[in-house]
C-alpha atoms as a PDB file:
ATOM      1  CA  UNK A   1       0.116  -0.015   0.010  1.00  0.00           C
ATOM      2  CA  UNK A   2       1.155   3.576  -0.657  1.00  0.00           C
ATOM      3  CA  UNK A   3       1.716   5.522   2.328  1.00  0.00           C
ATOM      4  CA  UNK A   4       0.546   8.960   3.038  1.00  0.00           C
ATOM      5  CA  UNK A   5       2.479  10.177   5.962  1.00  0.00           C
ATOM      6  CA  UNK A   6       1.707  13.398   7.827  1.00  0.00           C
ATOM      7  CA  UNK A   7       2.577  14.584  11.279  1.00  0.00           C
ATOM      8  CA  UNK A   8       0.728  17.683  13.006  1.00  0.00           C
ATOM      9  CA  UNK A   9       2.691  20.092  15.024  1.00  0.00           C
ATOM     10  CA  UNK A  10       1.384  22.999  17.141  1.00  0.00           C
ATOM     11  CA  UNK A  11       2.896  26.090  18.956  1.00  0.00           C
ATOM     12  CA  UNK A  12       1.234  28.920  20.740  1.00  0.00           C
ATOM     13  CA  UNK A  13       1.716  32.801  20.502  1.00  0.00           C
ATOM     14  CA  UNK A  14       0.306  35.708  22.027  1.00  0.00           C
ATOM     15  CA  UNK A  15      -1.105  37.518  18.952  1.00  0.00           C
ATOM     16  CA  UNK A  16      -1.384  41.371  18.738  1.00  0.00           C
ATOM     17  CA  UNK A  17      -4.187  40.844  16.437  1.00  0.00           C
ATOM     18  CA  UNK A  18      -6.364  39.685  19.154  1.00  0.00           C
ATOM     19  CA  UNK A  19      -5.354  41.893  22.000  1.00  0.00           C
ATOM     20  CA  UNK A  20      -2.429  39.498  22.752  1.00  0.00           C
ATOM     21  CA  UNK A  21      -4.830  36.568  23.391  1.00  0.00           C
ATOM     22  CA  UNK A  22      -3.159  33.094  23.097  1.00  0.00           C
ATOM     23  CA  UNK A  23      -3.605  31.502  19.698  1.00  0.00           C
ATOM     24  CA  UNK A  24      -2.528  27.961  18.575  1.00  0.00           C
ATOM     25  CA  UNK A  25      -0.719  27.754  14.878  1.00  0.00           C
ATOM     26  CA  UNK A  26      -0.975  24.316  13.385  1.00  0.00           C
ATOM     27  CA  UNK A  27       1.368  22.911  10.775  1.00  0.00           C
ATOM     28  CA  UNK A  28       1.308  19.692   9.006  1.00  0.00           C
ATOM     29  CA  UNK A  29       4.494  17.869   7.677  1.00  0.00           C
ATOM     30  CA  UNK A  30       3.633  15.699   4.779  1.00  0.00           C
ATOM     31  CA  UNK A  31       5.910  13.435   2.856  1.00  0.00           C
ATOM     32  CA  UNK A  32       5.323  12.851  -0.806  1.00  0.00           C
ATOM     33  CA  UNK A  33       4.534   9.259  -1.088  1.00  0.00           C
ATOM     34  CA  UNK A  34       6.676   8.553  -4.192  1.00  0.00           C
ATOM     35  CA  UNK A  35       9.692  10.824  -3.880  1.00  0.00           C
ATOM     36  CA  UNK A  36       9.740  11.303  -0.055  1.00  0.00           C
ATOM     37  CA  UNK A  37       9.979  15.230  -0.417  1.00  0.00           C
ATOM     38  CA  UNK A  38       8.834  17.188   2.480  1.00  0.00           C
ATOM     39  CA  UNK A  39       5.816  19.644   2.203  1.00  0.00           C
ATOM     40  CA  UNK A  40       4.590  21.683   5.135  1.00  0.00           C
ATOM     41  CA  UNK A  41       0.921  22.682   5.077  1.00  0.00           C
ATOM     42  CA  UNK A  42       0.656  25.936   6.887  1.00  0.00           C
ATOM     43  CA  UNK A  43      -2.921  26.327   7.901  1.00  0.00           C
ATOM     44  CA  UNK A  44      -4.796  29.771   7.382  1.00  0.00           C
ATOM     45  CA  UNK A  45      -1.712  30.862   5.297  1.00  0.00           C
ATOM     46  CA  UNK A  46      -3.911  31.440   2.281  1.00  0.00           C
ATOM     47  CA  UNK A  47      -5.893  34.164   4.265  1.00  0.00           C
ATOM     48  CA  UNK A  48      -2.670  35.836   5.013  1.00  0.00           C
ATOM     49  CA  UNK A  49      -1.402  36.021   1.530  1.00  0.00           C
ATOM     50  CA  UNK A  50      -4.793  35.946  -0.231  1.00  0.00           C
ATOM     51  CA  UNK A  51      -4.600  39.885  -1.122  1.00  0.00           C
ATOM     52  CA  UNK A  52      -1.414  39.356  -2.974  1.00  0.00           C
ATOM     53  CA  UNK A  53      -2.887  36.687  -5.364  1.00  0.00           C
ATOM     54  CA  UNK A  54      -5.107  38.982  -7.346  1.00  0.00           C
ATOM     55  CA  UNK A  55      -3.896  41.736  -9.925  1.00  0.00           C
ATOM     56  CA  UNK A  56      -4.374  45.525  -9.862  1.00  0.00           C
ATOM     57  CA  UNK A  57      -6.686  45.954 -12.586  1.00  0.00           C
ATOM     58  CA  UNK A  58      -5.400  49.317 -13.795  1.00  0.00           C
ATOM     59  CA  UNK A  59      -1.626  47.950 -13.499  1.00  0.00           C
ATOM     60  CA  UNK A  60      -2.552  45.061 -15.582  1.00  0.00           C
ATOM     61  CA  UNK A  61      -4.242  46.901 -18.308  1.00  0.00           C
ATOM     62  CA  UNK A  62      -1.433  49.478 -18.571  1.00  0.00           C
ATOM     63  CA  UNK A  63       1.082  46.620 -18.922  1.00  0.00           C
ATOM     64  CA  UNK A  64      -0.968  44.843 -21.492  1.00  0.00           C
ATOM     65  CA  UNK A  65      -1.546  47.971 -23.593  1.00  0.00           C
ATOM     66  CA  UNK A  66       2.310  48.765 -23.318  1.00  0.00           C
ATOM     67  CA  UNK A  67       3.481  45.376 -24.115  1.00  0.00           C
ATOM     68  CA  UNK A  68       1.192  44.951 -27.084  1.00  0.00           C
ATOM     69  CA  UNK A  69       3.257  47.472 -28.883  1.00  0.00           C
ATOM     70  CA  UNK A  70       6.256  45.592 -29.272  1.00  0.00           C
ATOM     71  CA  UNK A  71       4.713  42.037 -29.147  1.00  0.00           C
ATOM     72  CA  UNK A  72       6.350  39.453 -31.343  1.00  0.00           C
ATOM     73  CA  UNK A  73       3.614  37.143 -31.092  1.00  0.00           C
ATOM     74  CA  UNK A  74       0.452  39.269 -32.129  1.00  0.00           C
ATOM     75  CA  UNK A  75      -0.927  38.659 -35.548  1.00  0.00           C
ATOM     76  CA  UNK A  76       0.574  41.457 -37.289  1.00  0.00           C
ATOM     77  CA  UNK A  77       4.240  40.615 -36.116  1.00  0.00           C
ATOM     78  CA  UNK A  78       4.378  36.893 -35.565  1.00  0.00           C
ATOM     79  CA  UNK A  79       5.555  36.188 -39.174  1.00  0.00           C
ATOM     80  CA  UNK A  80       8.227  38.911 -39.240  1.00  0.00           C
ATOM     81  CA  UNK A  81       9.465  38.832 -35.655  1.00  0.00           C
ATOM     82  CA  UNK A  82       9.858  35.105 -34.697  1.00  0.00           C
ATOM     83  CA  UNK A  83      12.331  32.707 -36.037  1.00  0.00           C
ATOM     84  CA  UNK A  84      11.744  29.937 -38.492  1.00  0.00           C
ATOM     85  CA  UNK A  85      12.881  26.400 -38.735  1.00  0.00           C
ATOM     86  CA  UNK A  86      15.840  25.336 -41.246  1.00  0.00           C
ATOM     87  CA  UNK A  87      14.059  24.218 -44.347  1.00  0.00           C
ATOM     88  CA  UNK A  88      15.672  20.855 -44.047  1.00  0.00           C
ATOM     89  CA  UNK A  89      13.833  20.442 -40.710  1.00  0.00           C
ATOM     90  CA  UNK A  90      10.377  21.931 -41.614  1.00  0.00           C
ATOM     91  CA  UNK A  91      10.017  23.467 -45.241  1.00  0.00           C
ATOM     92  CA  UNK A  92       7.296  25.664 -44.317  1.00  0.00           C
ATOM     93  CA  UNK A  93       9.345  27.349 -41.524  1.00  0.00           C
ATOM     94  CA  UNK A  94       6.826  27.148 -38.919  1.00  0.00           C
ATOM     95  CA  UNK A  95       4.191  24.703 -37.877  1.00  0.00           C
ATOM     96  CA  UNK A  96       0.562  25.756 -37.905  1.00  0.00           C
ATOM     97  CA  UNK A  97      -1.997  23.801 -35.972  1.00  0.00           C
ATOM     98  CA  UNK A  98      -5.452  25.439 -35.800  1.00  0.00           C
ATOM     99  CA  UNK A  99      -4.832  28.741 -33.815  1.00  0.00           C
ATOM    100  CA  UNK A 100      -1.439  27.695 -32.551  1.00  0.00           C
ATOM    101  CA  UNK A 101       1.946  28.593 -34.207  1.00  0.00           C
ATOM    102  CA  UNK A 102       4.965  26.620 -33.361  1.00  0.00           C
ATOM    103  CA  UNK A 103       8.410  28.464 -33.834  1.00  0.00           C
ATOM    104  CA  UNK A 104      11.889  28.029 -32.620  1.00  0.00           C
ATOM    105  CA  UNK A 105      13.023  29.868 -29.491  1.00  0.00           C
ATOM    106  CA  UNK A 106      15.477  32.684 -29.947  1.00  0.00           C
ATOM    107  CA  UNK A 107      17.152  31.823 -26.746  1.00  0.00           C
ATOM    108  CA  UNK A 108      15.860  28.597 -25.295  1.00  0.00           C
ATOM    109  CA  UNK A 109      16.405  26.589 -22.255  1.00  0.00           C
ATOM    110  CA  UNK A 110      17.526  23.500 -23.819  1.00  0.00           C
ATOM    111  CA  UNK A 111      19.343  22.378 -27.075  1.00  0.00           C
ATOM    112  CA  UNK A 112      15.784  21.720 -28.612  1.00  0.00           C
ATOM    113  CA  UNK A 113      13.594  24.539 -27.603  1.00  0.00           C
ATOM    114  CA  UNK A 114      10.495  25.834 -29.241  1.00  0.00           C
ATOM    115  CA  UNK A 115       7.594  28.174 -28.501  1.00  0.00           C
ATOM    116  CA  UNK A 116       3.991  27.456 -29.161  1.00  0.00           C
ATOM    117  CA  UNK A 117       2.017  30.826 -29.696  1.00  0.00           C
ATOM    118  CA  UNK A 118      -1.533  30.441 -28.527  1.00  0.00           C
ATOM    119  CA  UNK A 119      -4.063  32.583 -30.597  1.00  0.00           C
ATOM    120  CA  UNK A 120      -4.183  36.053 -31.713  1.00  0.00           C
ATOM    121  CA  UNK A 121      -5.186  37.883 -28.368  1.00  0.00           C
ATOM    122  CA  UNK A 122      -2.436  39.588 -26.742  1.00  0.00           C
ATOM    123  CA  UNK A 123      -3.928  38.971 -23.243  1.00  0.00           C
ATOM    124  CA  UNK A 124      -6.524  36.368 -22.104  1.00  0.00           C
ATOM    125  CA  UNK A 125      -8.495  36.136 -18.915  1.00  0.00           C
ATOM    126  CA  UNK A 126      -8.046  32.858 -17.465  1.00  0.00           C
ATOM    127  CA  UNK A 127     -11.558  31.886 -18.181  1.00  0.00           C
ATOM    128  CA  UNK A 128     -10.918  32.428 -21.917  1.00  0.00           C
ATOM    129  CA  UNK A 129      -8.264  29.718 -22.371  1.00  0.00           C
ATOM    130  CA  UNK A 130     -10.667  27.318 -24.091  1.00  0.00           C
ATOM    131  CA  UNK A 131      -9.994  23.743 -24.503  1.00  0.00           C
ATOM    132  CA  UNK A 132      -9.932  24.183 -28.304  1.00  0.00           C
ATOM    133  CA  UNK A 133      -6.949  26.708 -28.090  1.00  0.00           C
ATOM    134  CA  UNK A 134      -5.184  24.537 -25.556  1.00  0.00           C
ATOM    135  CA  UNK A 135      -5.606  21.426 -27.792  1.00  0.00           C
ATOM    136  CA  UNK A 136      -4.351  23.252 -30.883  1.00  0.00           C
ATOM    137  CA  UNK A 137      -1.053  24.116 -28.904  1.00  0.00           C
ATOM    138  CA  UNK A 138      -0.509  20.508 -27.763  1.00  0.00           C
ATOM    139  CA  UNK A 139      -1.292  19.216 -30.992  1.00  0.00           C
ATOM    140  CA  UNK A 140       1.233  21.563 -32.504  1.00  0.00           C
ATOM    141  CA  UNK A 141       3.818  20.652 -30.044  1.00  0.00           C
ATOM    142  CA  UNK A 142       3.198  17.023 -30.767  1.00  0.00           C
ATOM    143  CA  UNK A 143       3.915  17.590 -34.577  1.00  0.00           C
ATOM    144  CA  UNK A 144       7.231  19.305 -33.539  1.00  0.00           C
ATOM    145  CA  UNK A 145       8.387  16.397 -31.359  1.00  0.00           C
ATOM    146  CA  UNK A 146       7.347  13.724 -34.030  1.00  0.00           C
ATOM    147  CA  UNK A 147       9.664  15.636 -36.723  1.00  0.00           C
ATOM    148  CA  UNK A 148      12.361  16.011 -33.976  1.00  0.00           C
ATOM    149  CA  UNK A 149      12.447  12.356 -33.298  1.00  0.00           C
ATOM    150  CA  UNK A 150      13.053  11.765 -37.081  1.00  0.00           C
ATOM    151  CA  UNK A 151      16.157  14.069 -37.075  1.00  0.00           C
ATOM    152  CA  UNK A 152      17.409  13.930 -33.499  1.00  0.00           C
ATOM    153  CA  UNK A 153      17.113  10.813 -31.684  1.00  0.00           C
ATOM    154  CA  UNK A 154      19.020  11.958 -28.796  1.00  0.00           C
ATOM    155  CA  UNK A 155      16.427  14.552 -27.740  1.00  0.00           C
ATOM    156  CA  UNK A 156      14.419  12.004 -25.923  1.00  0.00           C
ATOM    157  CA  UNK A 157      13.045  13.926 -22.806  1.00  0.00           C
ATOM    158  CA  UNK A 158      10.630  16.644 -23.660  1.00  0.00           C
ATOM    159  CA  UNK A 159       8.586  18.774 -21.342  1.00  0.00           C
ATOM    160  CA  UNK A 160       5.714  21.299 -22.144  1.00  0.00           C
ATOM    161  CA  UNK A 161       6.157  24.496 -19.917  1.00  0.00           C
ATOM    162  CA  UNK A 162       3.445  27.242 -19.480  1.00  0.00           C
ATOM    163  CA  UNK A 163       4.468  30.467 -17.791  1.00  0.00           C
ATOM    164  CA  UNK A 164       1.524  33.189 -17.941  1.00  0.00           C
ATOM    165  CA  UNK A 165       2.475  36.669 -16.882  1.00  0.00           C
ATOM    166  CA  UNK A 166       5.676  37.998 -15.351  1.00  0.00           C
ATOM    167  CA  UNK A 167       4.843  36.640 -11.724  1.00  0.00           C
ATOM    168  CA  UNK A 168       5.122  33.114 -13.413  1.00  0.00           C
ATOM    169  CA  UNK A 169       8.269  33.865 -15.125  1.00  0.00           C
ATOM    170  CA  UNK A 170       7.147  35.044 -18.517  1.00  0.00           C
ATOM    171  CA  UNK A 171       8.796  37.998 -20.305  1.00  0.00           C
ATOM    172  CA  UNK A 172       6.190  38.095 -23.018  1.00  0.00           C
ATOM    173  CA  UNK A 173       2.501  38.739 -22.089  1.00  0.00           C
ATOM    174  CA  UNK A 174       1.082  36.979 -25.220  1.00  0.00           C
ATOM    175  CA  UNK A 175      -0.232  33.417 -24.341  1.00  0.00           C
ATOM    176  CA  UNK A 176       2.398  30.960 -25.363  1.00  0.00           C
ATOM    177  CA  UNK A 177       3.933  27.666 -24.275  1.00  0.00           C
ATOM    178  CA  UNK A 178       7.570  26.301 -24.448  1.00  0.00           C
ATOM    179  CA  UNK A 179       8.717  22.871 -25.437  1.00  0.00           C
ATOM    180  CA  UNK A 180      12.019  21.998 -24.251  1.00  0.00           C
ATOM    181  CA  UNK A 181      13.457  18.680 -25.391  1.00  0.00           C
ATOM    182  CA  UNK A 182      17.055  17.506 -24.530  1.00  0.00           C
ATOM    183  CA  UNK A 183      19.129  14.379 -24.176  1.00  0.00           C
ATOM    184  CA  UNK A 184      18.732  13.987 -20.423  1.00  0.00           C
ATOM    185  CA  UNK A 185      15.513  14.441 -18.129  1.00  0.00           C
ATOM    186  CA  UNK A 186      14.952  17.451 -15.880  1.00  0.00           C
ATOM    187  CA  UNK A 187      15.732  16.786 -12.350  1.00  0.00           C
ATOM    188  CA  UNK A 188      11.889  16.376 -11.299  1.00  0.00           C
ATOM    189  CA  UNK A 189      11.511  13.965 -14.435  1.00  0.00           C
ATOM    190  CA  UNK A 190      14.331  12.077 -13.511  1.00  0.00           C
ATOM    191  CA  UNK A 191      13.352  11.708 -10.053  1.00  0.00           C
ATOM    192  CA  UNK A 192       9.768  10.574 -10.807  1.00  0.00           C
ATOM    193  CA  UNK A 193      11.195   8.124 -13.124  1.00  0.00           C
ATOM    194  CA  UNK A 194      13.747   6.550 -10.985  1.00  0.00           C
ATOM    195  CA  UNK A 195      11.262   6.501  -7.942  1.00  0.00           C
ATOM    196  CA  UNK A 196       8.427   4.765 -10.171  1.00  0.00           C
ATOM    197  CA  UNK A 197      11.037   2.272 -11.469  1.00  0.00           C
ATOM    198  CA  UNK A 198      12.061   1.450  -7.870  1.00  0.00           C
ATOM    199  CA  UNK A 199       8.638   1.098  -6.677  1.00  0.00           C
ATOM    200  CA  UNK A 200       7.517  -1.047  -9.763  1.00  0.00           C
ATOM    201  CA  UNK A 201      10.591  -3.408  -9.208  1.00  0.00           C
ATOM    202  CA  UNK A 202       9.931  -3.590  -5.378  1.00  0.00           C
ATOM    203  CA  UNK A 203       6.268  -4.094  -5.405  1.00  0.00           C
ATOM    204  CA  UNK A 204       5.479  -5.573  -8.969  1.00  0.00           C
ATOM    205  CA  UNK A 205       2.893  -2.855  -9.658  1.00  0.00           C
ATOM    206  CA  UNK A 206       2.833   0.750 -11.018  1.00  0.00           C
ATOM    207  CA  UNK A 207       2.858   3.453  -8.498  1.00  0.00           C
ATOM    208  CA  UNK A 208       0.700   5.562 -10.712  1.00  0.00           C
ATOM    209  CA  UNK A 209      -2.039   2.787 -11.090  1.00  0.00           C
ATOM    210  CA  UNK A 210      -1.843   2.190  -7.263  1.00  0.00           C
ATOM    211  CA  UNK A 211      -2.238   5.807  -6.535  1.00  0.00           C
ATOM    212  CA  UNK A 212      -5.423   6.321  -8.603  1.00  0.00           C
ATOM    213  CA  UNK A 213      -6.803   3.151  -7.208  1.00  0.00           C
ATOM    214  CA  UNK A 214      -6.640   4.844  -3.712  1.00  0.00           C
ATOM    215  CA  UNK A 215      -7.295   8.380  -4.612  1.00  0.00           C
ATOM    216  CA  UNK A 216     -10.190   7.927  -6.906  1.00  0.00           C
ATOM    217  CA  UNK A 217     -13.469   9.053  -5.070  1.00  0.00           C
ATOM    218  CA  UNK A 218     -11.476  10.357  -2.105  1.00  0.00           C
ATOM    219  CA  UNK A 219     -11.225  13.766  -0.531  1.00  0.00           C
ATOM    220  CA  UNK A 220      -8.448  14.942  -3.151  1.00  0.00           C
ATOM    221  CA  UNK A 221      -9.970  13.436  -6.212  1.00  0.00           C
ATOM    222  CA  UNK A 222     -11.516  15.900  -8.826  1.00  0.00           C
ATOM    223  CA  UNK A 223     -12.584  14.203 -11.914  1.00  0.00           C
ATOM    224  CA  UNK A 224     -11.723  11.926 -15.128  1.00  0.00           C
ATOM    225  CA  UNK A 225     -11.976  13.100 -18.611  1.00  0.00           C
ATOM    226  CA  UNK A 226     -10.935  11.219 -21.862  1.00  0.00           C
ATOM    227  CA  UNK A 227      -8.588   8.888 -19.904  1.00  0.00           C
ATOM    228  CA  UNK A 228      -6.878  11.629 -17.770  1.00  0.00           C
ATOM    229  CA  UNK A 229      -7.344  11.686 -14.031  1.00  0.00           C
ATOM    230  CA  UNK A 230      -7.339  14.999 -12.166  1.00  0.00           C
ATOM    231  CA  UNK A 231      -6.663  15.500  -8.400  1.00  0.00           C
ATOM    232  CA  UNK A 232      -4.994  17.581  -5.784  1.00  0.00           C
ATOM    233  CA  UNK A 233      -1.466  16.080  -4.739  1.00  0.00           C
ATOM    234  CA  UNK A 234      -1.276  14.889  -0.999  1.00  0.00           C
ATOM    235  CA  UNK A 235       2.041  16.830  -0.807  1.00  0.00           C
ATOM    236  CA  UNK A 236       2.033  19.744  -3.309  1.00  0.00           C
ATOM    237  CA  UNK A 237       5.412  20.856  -4.872  1.00  0.00           C
ATOM    238  CA  UNK A 238       4.937  24.451  -4.108  1.00  0.00           C
ATOM    239  CA  UNK A 239       1.314  25.108  -2.714  1.00  0.00           C
ATOM    240  CA  UNK A 240      -0.679  27.863  -4.516  1.00  0.00           C
ATOM    241  CA  UNK A 241      -3.667  25.997  -5.605  1.00  0.00           C
ATOM    242  CA  UNK A 242      -1.730  23.054  -7.099  1.00  0.00           C
ATOM    243  CA  UNK A 243      -3.498  20.538  -9.284  1.00  0.00           C
ATOM    244  CA  UNK A 244      -2.063  17.199 -10.611  1.00  0.00           C
ATOM    245  CA  UNK A 245      -3.283  15.168 -13.756  1.00  0.00           C
ATOM    246  CA  UNK A 246      -2.239  11.659 -14.858  1.00  0.00           C
ATOM    247  CA  UNK A 247      -2.754  10.159 -18.223  1.00  0.00           C
ATOM    248  CA  UNK A 248      -3.387   6.421 -17.535  1.00  0.00           C
ATOM    249  CA  UNK A 249      -0.962   3.944 -19.062  1.00  0.00           C
ATOM    250  CA  UNK A 250       0.785   6.318 -21.459  1.00  0.00           C
ATOM    251  CA  UNK A 251       4.368   7.003 -20.582  1.00  0.00           C
ATOM    252  CA  UNK A 252       5.280   9.519 -23.306  1.00  0.00           C
ATOM    253  CA  UNK A 253       3.767  12.282 -25.298  1.00  0.00           C
ATOM    254  CA  UNK A 254       3.924  10.258 -28.760  1.00  0.00           C
ATOM    255  CA  UNK A 255       1.528   7.628 -27.235  1.00  0.00           C
ATOM    256  CA  UNK A 256      -1.352  10.123 -26.360  1.00  0.00           C
ATOM    257  CA  UNK A 257      -4.143  10.114 -28.894  1.00  0.00           C
ATOM    258  CA  UNK A 258      -6.160  13.120 -29.711  1.00  0.00           C
ATOM    259  CA  UNK A 259      -8.705  11.834 -27.166  1.00  0.00           C
ATOM    260  CA  UNK A 260      -6.156  12.129 -24.368  1.00  0.00           C
ATOM    261  CA  UNK A 261      -4.851  15.516 -25.444  1.00  0.00           C
ATOM    262  CA  UNK A 262      -8.539  16.749 -25.400  1.00  0.00           C
ATOM    263  CA  UNK A 263      -8.734  15.342 -22.025  1.00  0.00           C
ATOM    264  CA  UNK A 264      -5.554  17.225 -20.952  1.00  0.00           C
ATOM    265  CA  UNK A 265      -6.833  20.507 -22.489  1.00  0.00           C
ATOM    266  CA  UNK A 266     -10.264  20.219 -20.960  1.00  0.00           C
ATOM    267  CA  UNK A 267      -8.991  19.869 -17.584  1.00  0.00           C
ATOM    268  CA  UNK A 268      -6.543  22.740 -17.612  1.00  0.00           C
ATOM    269  CA  UNK A 269      -9.341  24.811 -18.964  1.00  0.00           C
ATOM    270  CA  UNK A 270     -11.537  23.977 -16.030  1.00  0.00           C
ATOM    271  CA  UNK A 271      -8.760  24.470 -13.335  1.00  0.00           C
ATOM    272  CA  UNK A 272      -8.068  27.992 -15.131  1.00  0.00           C
ATOM    273  CA  UNK A 273     -11.858  28.885 -14.920  1.00  0.00           C
ATOM    274  CA  UNK A 274     -11.677  28.111 -11.196  1.00  0.00           C
ATOM    275  CA  UNK A 275      -8.565  30.262 -10.787  1.00  0.00           C
ATOM    276  CA  UNK A 276      -9.939  33.196 -12.878  1.00  0.00           C
ATOM    277  CA  UNK A 277     -13.126  33.001 -10.569  1.00  0.00           C
ATOM    278  CA  UNK A 278     -10.907  33.681  -7.562  1.00  0.00           C
ATOM    279  CA  UNK A 279      -9.360  36.788  -9.344  1.00  0.00           C
ATOM    280  CA  UNK A 280      -6.094  34.799  -9.996  1.00  0.00           C
ATOM    281  CA  UNK A 281      -4.441  35.922 -13.340  1.00  0.00           C
ATOM    282  CA  UNK A 282      -0.985  34.253 -13.338  1.00  0.00           C
ATOM    283  CA  UNK A 283      -0.026  30.428 -13.330  1.00  0.00           C
ATOM    284  CA  UNK A 284       2.539  27.856 -14.287  1.00  0.00           C
ATOM    285  CA  UNK A 285       1.994  24.333 -15.941  1.00  0.00           C
ATOM    286  CA  UNK A 286       4.442  21.641 -16.456  1.00  0.00           C
ATOM    287  CA  UNK A 287       3.626  18.512 -18.436  1.00  0.00           C
ATOM    288  CA  UNK A 288       6.101  15.791 -18.173  1.00  0.00           C
ATOM    289  CA  UNK A 289       6.990  12.902 -20.306  1.00  0.00           C
ATOM    290  CA  UNK A 290       9.128   9.635 -20.375  1.00  0.00           C
ATOM    291  CA  UNK A 291      11.589   8.937 -22.989  1.00  0.00           C
ATOM    292  CA  UNK A 292       9.943   9.335 -26.476  1.00  0.00           C
ATOM    293  CA  UNK A 293      11.618   6.206 -27.805  1.00  0.00           C
ATOM    294  CA  UNK A 294      10.329   3.650 -25.312  1.00  0.00           C
ATOM    295  CA  UNK A 295       7.380   2.722 -23.394  1.00  0.00           C
ATOM    296  CA  UNK A 296       7.696   2.393 -19.593  1.00  0.00           C
ATOM    297  CA  UNK A 297       5.269   0.158 -17.723  1.00  0.00           C
ATOM    298  CA  UNK A 298       5.956   1.905 -14.441  1.00  0.00           C
ATOM    299  CA  UNK A 299       5.522   5.638 -15.476  1.00  0.00           C
ATOM    300  CA  UNK A 300       2.706   7.722 -16.602  1.00  0.00           C
ATOM    301  CA  UNK A 301       2.749  11.249 -18.400  1.00  0.00           C
ATOM    302  CA  UNK A 302       1.695  13.602 -15.670  1.00  0.00           C
ATOM    303  CA  UNK A 303       0.869  17.419 -15.317  1.00  0.00           C
ATOM    304  CA  UNK A 304       1.196  19.858 -12.338  1.00  0.00           C
ATOM    305  CA  UNK A 305      -0.152  23.399 -12.442  1.00  0.00           C
ATOM    306  CA  UNK A 306      -0.668  26.191  -9.946  1.00  0.00           C
ATOM    307  CA  UNK A 307      -1.533  29.672  -9.541  1.00  0.00           C
ATOM    308  CA  UNK A 308       1.119  32.415  -9.006  1.00  0.00           C
ATOM    309  CA  UNK A 309       0.890  35.837  -7.374  1.00  0.00           C
ATOM    310  CA  UNK A 310      -0.748  38.695  -9.214  1.00  0.00           C
ATOM    311  CA  UNK A 311       0.453  42.045 -10.669  1.00  0.00           C
ATOM    312  CA  UNK A 312       0.603  44.774  -8.068  1.00  0.00           C
ATOM    313  CA  UNK A 313       2.409  47.698  -7.302  1.00  0.00           C
ATOM    314  CA  UNK A 314       3.831  46.102  -4.123  1.00  0.00           C
ATOM    315  CA  UNK A 315       5.924  42.995  -5.676  1.00  0.00           C
ATOM    316  CA  UNK A 316       4.994  39.711  -3.845  1.00  0.00           C
ATOM    317  CA  UNK A 317       6.563  36.426  -4.935  1.00  0.00           C
ATOM    318  CA  UNK A 318       5.925  32.862  -3.485  1.00  0.00           C
ATOM    319  CA  UNK A 319       9.344  31.798  -4.832  1.00  0.00           C
ATOM    320  CA  UNK A 320      11.054  32.515  -1.471  1.00  0.00           C
ATOM    321  CA  UNK A 321      13.952  30.768   0.167  1.00  0.00           C
ATOM    322  CA  UNK A 322      12.443  27.535   1.558  1.00  0.00           C
ATOM    323  CA  UNK A 323      10.909  26.204  -1.714  1.00  0.00           C
ATOM    324  CA  UNK A 324      13.313  27.686  -3.943  1.00  0.00           C
ATOM    325  CA  UNK A 325      16.579  26.983  -2.292  1.00  0.00           C
ATOM    326  CA  UNK A 326      15.909  24.432   0.295  1.00  0.00           C
ATOM    327  CA  UNK A 327      13.716  22.493  -2.094  1.00  0.00           C
ATOM    328  CA  UNK A 328      10.915  21.820   0.626  1.00  0.00           C
ATOM    329  CA  UNK A 329       7.431  22.160  -0.561  1.00  0.00           C
ATOM    330  CA  UNK A 330       4.930  24.398   1.272  1.00  0.00           C
ATOM    331  CA  UNK A 331       1.017  24.656   0.867  1.00  0.00           C
ATOM    332  CA  UNK A 332      -0.994  27.397   2.056  1.00  0.00           C
ATOM    333  CA  UNK A 333      -4.192  25.296   2.886  1.00  0.00           C
ATOM    334  CA  UNK A 334      -4.895  21.556   3.321  1.00  0.00           C
ATOM    335  CA  UNK A 335      -5.072  19.886  -0.173  1.00  0.00           C
ATOM    336  CA  UNK A 336      -8.267  18.174   0.822  1.00  0.00           C
ATOM    337  CA  UNK A 337      -9.915  21.563   1.633  1.00  0.00           C
ATOM    338  CA  UNK A 338      -8.824  23.002  -1.833  1.00  0.00           C
ATOM    339  CA  UNK A 339      -9.900  19.900  -3.517  1.00  0.00           C
ATOM    340  CA  UNK A 340     -13.498  20.450  -2.038  1.00  0.00           C
ATOM    341  CA  UNK A 341     -13.513  23.953  -3.510  1.00  0.00           C
ATOM    342  CA  UNK A 342     -12.688  22.587  -6.762  1.00  0.00           C
ATOM    343  CA  UNK A 343     -15.171  19.907  -6.945  1.00  0.00           C
ATOM    344  CA  UNK A 344     -17.826  22.361  -5.799  1.00  0.00           C
ATOM    345  CA  UNK A 345     -16.755  24.675  -8.772  1.00  0.00           C
ATOM    346  CA  UNK A 346     -16.634  21.741 -11.219  1.00  0.00           C
ATOM    347  CA  UNK A 347     -20.307  20.515 -10.149  1.00  0.00           C
ATOM    348  CA  UNK A 348     -22.320  19.837 -13.371  1.00  0.00           C
ATOM    349  CA  UNK A 349     -19.220  19.853 -15.816  1.00  0.00           C
ATOM    350  CA  UNK A 350     -18.429  16.322 -15.764  1.00  0.00           C
END
């Protein structure tokens, strides 16, 4: 059985917020059931930092208008200000998939790095990221990876990365994704593959199958759509409204069918609508794959997404020393409580 380890600790303070009355602070120390990584759940922290998670409407509007003037991804400039693939790689220069355009990255984060421009609108509210637009982006990315596999078999480990707005690390406002592919996995992907393999060899079953057998229908489970399971992780990586998805039985991106890509796109759109209903404007997504050239019985394609702080005059970041440098996770409310909010929001959508 998978073990969900947690330990509750408490401390007492005399708080000036209540005329120095005694108050009890509660912390939960959770251990990721696969990797062993620590996550601290700080109860009531969401109430404390909540004011920093929305954006100043006027500040956001001003930055949208300013950045639109020099945006390389808007329709009037995307064909003149973005790079093209060499003709021997892709004769048309760019990959067009519906409303998505795949172009090489001017300065990427891996030896094979591309951008997927999503649609013509320079800025989208989170409720306006439609499943169709996201599906076009994923499919355009898969077309790139299929071609890449034909010319560079060493670039076996791809990830999709989505950074939306500056608080999430994006230097360009226009909606876009990155696809990073290289000959070695990123650290988290490598850790998940190694731990999944060790679990499989020790117990004779897939951790991901066992996890879903336990989680499905439980306090952290959200929904299933087109073979993609959605839940809130027991021990979040970073902790701002984090959601996880698992594509059952598919270990790399090339194994996914259109049906499953639609399942990923629909789930992302649902979660973004929830984020938008809470006035969040910024988010990150990572979509992780095993090696493209082999099937792994012990590893499933998986996704993590989370909201990020808003755009305000007073700068606030959740990327502080403990998660950024000490590598511990931290959650600002109990995952089970967050999952309940999501399920209530999704009622009627399944």
